[in-house]
Amino acid sequence: MAPHIVILGAGTGGTLTANRLRKELPEAHVTVVDQDDVHVYQPGLLFVPFGLARPEDIVRPRGAQLHRGVEYHQSEIDLVDVEQRRVFLADGMMLNYDVLVVATGCRLVPEETEGLIGRGWTRNTFTFYDLNGATALARALEGFDGGRLVVNVVDMPIKCPVAPLEFCLLADWYFAERGIRDEPFDEVSGEIFILVWVVFVTDNRIWLTVCKRPVRTASIFTSRMSAVMFWKRYCRC
């Protein structure tokens, strides 16, 4: 009897897993479950605020991303019975499985940072880590004609740790193209130091580019001296 592989989550991880299993194990029955049918290509979110990608360019139906022969079922998950190897779905369907892959990903929880989703949320405070936030930020940046842009890493870990640094470089280009990038106005939280260091170790050419950008830094370290020491020790340029 062909094994039944159930994958919970049709994001990037679940989709790649399903398609690879379909290719490597053509005899297996592969079922993917997700609560909606909207697959967002998350690496593209970074480009939406700067008009380099439109929301509709990075959205596809989840089922359309799966290879032929992979079954897709849209429903929320009610219960997983690991002893009986069963998944109970909110729509009443029950799936038996031989192998279960949990690829439900992560979700943003801005409400866990006190004050973050206050009166300014989606008005002058944004995230570009989801489609709604990136789209709202695009509208805000389009009408931005000068002032201060703060890129803040509230806490770690975050999805795609290098994305805040990439955002700074894109913002530098974007405002220069619009002719309003005359003075340094970006402030980067201290944790960006760590992220930049990772990029430096990975590719020195990227780090040399970063060093030339006029970006102010506002440290979250316990003292200015500790931030400077960290910078000199790990972020040489």
Protein backbone atom coordinates (compact mmCIF):
# COMPACT_ATOMS: atom_id res chain seq x y z
CA MET A 1 0.00 0.00 0.00
CA ALA A 2 1.36 3.44 -0.94
CA PRO A 3 2.41 5.54 2.07
CA HIS A 4 0.34 8.62 2.84
CA ILE A 5 2.35 11.73 3.64
CA VAL A 6 0.40 14.63 5.11
CA ILE A 7 1.98 18.09 5.13
CA LEU A 8 0.47 20.77 7.34
CA GLY A 9 1.17 24.15 5.79
CA ALA A 10 1.48 25.23 2.16
CA GLY A 11 3.98 28.02 2.55
CA THR A 12 7.47 27.91 1.11
CA GLY A 13 8.61 25.01 3.28
CA GLY A 14 5.49 22.90 2.85
CA THR A 15 5.29 23.51 -0.89
CA LEU A 16 8.95 22.66 -1.53
CA THR A 17 8.68 19.56 0.64
CA ALA A 18 5.56 18.34 -1.15
CA ASN A 19 7.00 18.89 -4.61
CA ARG A 20 10.30 17.23 -3.75
CA LEU A 21 8.56 14.22 -2.19
CA ARG A 22 6.34 13.89 -5.24
CA LYS A 23 9.44 13.76 -7.42
CA GLU A 24 11.49 11.43 -5.22
CA LEU A 25 8.61 9.16 -4.10
CA PRO A 26 6.16 9.02 -7.02
CA GLU A 27 4.38 6.06 -5.45
CA ALA A 28 3.50 8.02 -2.29
CA HIS A 29 0.19 9.79 -1.73
CA VAL A 30 1.01 13.37 -0.70
CA THR A 31 -1.64 15.63 0.83
CA VAL A 32 -1.06 19.28 1.74
CA VAL A 33 -3.38 21.17 4.09
CA ASP A 34 -3.60 24.90 4.67
CA GLN A 35 -6.25 27.25 6.01
CA ASP A 36 -6.34 29.51 2.93
CA ASP A 37 -5.46 29.49 -0.76
CA VAL A 38 -3.17 32.52 -0.85
CA HIS A 39 0.52 31.74 -1.30
CA VAL A 40 2.70 34.82 -0.81
CA TYR A 41 6.25 34.72 -2.16
CA GLN A 42 7.75 36.21 0.98
CA PRO A 43 11.17 37.23 -0.40
CA GLY A 44 9.26 39.58 -2.70
CA LEU A 45 7.71 41.49 0.20
CA LEU A 46 10.90 43.51 0.62
CA PHE A 47 10.46 45.03 -2.84
CA VAL A 48 6.81 46.03 -2.53
CA PRO A 49 7.41 49.19 -0.43
CA PHE A 50 9.70 50.58 -3.14
CA GLY A 51 7.47 49.85 -6.11
CA LEU A 52 9.79 47.14 -7.43
CA ALA A 53 7.08 44.50 -7.08
CA ARG A 54 3.31 44.72 -7.01
CA PRO A 55 1.31 42.70 -4.48
CA GLU A 56 -0.37 40.75 -7.27
CA ASP A 57 3.07 39.81 -8.65
CA ILE A 58 3.99 37.80 -5.56
CA VAL A 59 0.66 36.12 -4.80
CA ARG A 60 -0.48 32.80 -6.27
CA PRO A 61 -3.11 30.20 -5.35
CA ARG A 62 -1.48 27.64 -3.07
CA GLY A 63 -2.72 24.70 -5.10
CA ALA A 64 -1.19 26.13 -8.26
CA GLN A 65 2.28 25.95 -6.69
CA LEU A 66 2.03 22.20 -6.10
CA HIS A 67 3.11 19.64 -8.66
CA ARG A 68 0.61 17.43 -10.42
CA GLY A 69 -0.33 14.50 -8.24
CA VAL A 70 -0.11 16.41 -4.94
CA GLU A 71 -3.51 16.73 -3.29
CA TYR A 72 -4.37 20.08 -1.76
CA HIS A 73 -7.06 20.51 0.89
CA GLN A 74 -8.09 23.89 2.27
CA SER A 75 -9.17 23.85 5.89
CA GLU A 76 -8.05 24.85 9.34
CA ILE A 77 -6.54 22.11 11.50
CA ASP A 78 -8.58 21.07 14.51
CA LEU A 79 -6.54 18.29 16.13
CA VAL A 80 -3.56 16.04 15.50
CA ASP A 81 -3.69 12.58 17.11
CA VAL A 82 -0.08 11.38 16.95
CA GLU A 83 -0.84 8.04 18.60
CA GLN A 84 -3.48 7.08 16.03
CA ARG A 85 -1.71 8.98 13.23
CA ARG A 86 -4.72 11.06 12.33
CA VAL A 87 -5.30 14.71 11.51
CA PHE A 88 -8.76 16.13 12.17
CA LEU A 89 -9.67 19.18 10.13
CA ALA A 90 -12.10 21.95 11.02
CA ASP A 91 -14.34 21.10 8.07
CA GLY A 92 -14.96 17.62 9.50
CA MET A 93 -12.50 15.71 7.34
CA MET A 94 -10.12 13.22 8.91
CA LEU A 95 -6.79 12.24 7.34
CA ASN A 96 -4.83 9.11 8.23
CA TYR A 97 -1.12 9.41 7.67
CA ASP A 98 2.04 7.34 7.67
CA VAL A 99 4.30 10.38 7.83
CA LEU A 100 3.34 13.84 9.10
CA VAL A 101 5.28 16.97 8.16
CA VAL A 102 4.54 20.10 10.19
CA ALA A 103 5.38 23.16 8.07
CA THR A 104 3.00 25.71 9.54
CA GLY A 105 5.69 28.40 9.61
CA CYS A 106 5.60 31.34 11.97
CA ARG A 107 3.31 34.31 12.45
CA LEU A 108 3.96 37.91 13.36
CA VAL A 109 3.03 38.95 16.89
CA PRO A 110 3.55 42.74 17.06
CA GLU A 111 1.10 42.91 19.94
CA GLU A 112 3.75 41.31 22.17
CA THR A 113 5.80 44.50 21.97
CA GLU A 114 4.13 47.04 24.23
CA GLY A 115 2.92 50.10 22.36
CA LEU A 116 3.91 48.86 18.89
CA ILE A 117 0.37 48.44 17.56
CA GLY A 118 -0.88 51.65 19.07
CA ARG A 119 -2.41 54.62 17.27
CA GLY A 120 0.39 54.85 14.69
CA TRP A 121 0.28 51.22 13.55
CA THR A 122 -0.11 51.09 9.73
CA ARG A 123 -0.12 54.92 9.69
CA ASN A 124 3.51 55.78 10.41
CA THR A 125 4.68 52.49 11.91
CA PHE A 126 4.84 49.48 9.60
CA THR A 127 6.15 46.01 9.03
CA PHE A 128 7.19 44.74 5.62
CA TYR A 129 7.08 41.11 6.75
CA ASP A 130 3.50 40.55 5.59
CA LEU A 131 1.57 41.60 2.51
CA ASN A 132 -0.76 44.09 4.20
CA GLY A 133 2.12 45.80 5.97
CA ALA A 134 4.33 45.99 2.88
CA THR A 135 1.45 47.41 0.83
CA ALA A 136 0.61 50.03 3.45
CA LEU A 137 4.28 50.97 3.72
CA ALA A 138 4.46 51.42 -0.06
CA ARG A 139 1.66 54.00 0.10
CA ALA A 140 3.36 55.79 3.00
CA LEU A 141 6.76 55.94 1.31
CA GLU A 142 5.20 57.18 -1.91
CA GLY A 143 3.93 60.23 -0.04
CA PHE A 144 7.09 60.66 2.06
CA ASP A 145 8.95 63.82 1.02
CA GLY A 146 11.55 64.10 3.76
CA GLY A 147 12.20 63.55 7.43
CA ARG A 148 13.49 60.62 9.42
CA LEU A 149 13.18 56.94 8.63
CA VAL A 150 13.85 54.54 11.50
CA VAL A 151 14.47 50.87 10.81
CA ASN A 152 14.14 48.98 14.08
CA VAL A 153 14.65 45.34 14.93
CA VAL A 154 12.38 45.03 17.93
CA ASP A 155 13.70 41.66 19.05
CA MET A 156 15.35 38.51 17.81
CA PRO A 157 14.78 36.07 16.25
CA ILE A 158 13.10 37.50 13.15
CA LYS A 159 12.28 36.11 9.73
CA CYS A 160 15.11 36.71 7.26
CA PRO A 161 17.55 38.44 9.66
CA VAL A 162 19.36 40.32 6.90
CA ALA A 163 16.15 41.92 5.54
CA PRO A 164 16.37 45.10 7.71
CA LEU A 165 19.82 45.79 6.29
CA GLU A 166 18.57 45.16 2.76
CA PHE A 167 15.69 47.52 3.47
CA CYS A 168 18.15 50.28 4.45
CA LEU A 169 20.07 49.88 1.20
CA LEU A 170 16.87 49.89 -0.86
CA ALA A 171 15.62 52.97 0.99
CA ASP A 172 18.93 54.69 0.30
CA TRP A 173 18.51 53.99 -3.43
CA TYR A 174 14.78 54.80 -3.48
CA PHE A 175 15.08 58.23 -1.90
CA ALA A 176 18.20 59.06 -3.92
CA GLU A 177 16.23 58.31 -7.08
CA ARG A 178 13.53 60.70 -5.89
CA GLY A 179 16.09 63.40 -5.10
CA ILE A 180 15.42 63.60 -1.36
CA ARG A 181 18.40 61.59 -0.08
CA ASP A 182 20.69 64.48 0.85
CA GLU A 183 21.38 63.87 4.52
CA PRO A 184 21.66 60.72 6.64
CA PHE A 185 18.23 60.10 8.09
CA ASP A 186 18.15 56.37 8.70
CA GLU A 187 18.54 55.17 12.24
CA VAL A 188 19.27 51.51 12.74
CA SER A 189 18.84 49.70 16.02
CA GLY A 190 21.89 48.17 17.62
CA GLU A 191 20.95 44.63 16.70
CA ILE A 192 21.62 45.55 13.09
CA PHE A 193 25.30 45.49 14.07
CA ILE A 194 25.00 41.73 14.51
CA LEU A 195 23.13 41.32 11.25
CA VAL A 196 25.68 43.39 9.36
CA TRP A 197 28.47 41.30 10.85
CA VAL A 198 26.84 38.15 9.49
CA VAL A 199 26.74 39.71 6.03
CA PHE A 200 30.37 40.79 6.38
CA VAL A 201 31.48 37.24 7.15
CA THR A 202 29.37 35.92 4.27
CA ASP A 203 30.41 38.38 1.58
CA ASN A 204 32.94 41.13 2.17
CA ARG A 205 31.82 42.97 -1.00
CA ILE A 206 28.37 43.56 0.52
CA TRP A 207 29.93 44.88 3.71
CA LEU A 208 32.14 47.33 1.82
CA THR A 209 29.01 48.66 0.12
CA VAL A 210 27.28 49.09 3.48
CA CYS A 211 30.22 51.02 4.90
CA LYS A 212 29.82 53.69 2.21
CA ARG A 213 26.17 54.40 3.04
CA PRO A 214 25.42 57.46 5.20
CA VAL A 215 23.39 55.69 7.89
CA ARG A 216 23.19 56.78 11.50
CA THR A 217 23.07 54.11 14.18
CA ALA A 218 21.22 54.24 17.49
CA SER A 219 22.50 51.56 19.81
CA ILE A 220 20.41 49.36 22.09
CA PHE A 221 23.52 48.23 23.96
CA THR A 222 23.89 49.05 27.65
CA SER A 223 26.30 51.87 26.89
CA ARG A 224 27.63 53.75 23.90
CA MET A 225 31.10 52.39 24.68
CA SER A 226 29.96 48.75 24.51
CA ALA A 227 28.40 49.42 21.12
CA VAL A 228 31.60 51.03 19.83
CA MET A 229 33.67 48.13 21.15
CA PHE A 230 31.37 45.64 19.47
CA TRP A 231 31.58 47.59 16.21
CA LYS A 232 35.38 47.78 16.26
CA ARG A 233 35.80 44.13 17.19
CA TYR A 234 33.39 42.50 14.77
CA CYS A 235 32.56 45.07 12.10
CA ARG A 236 35.91 46.17 10.73
CA CYS A 237 35.89 48.11 7.47
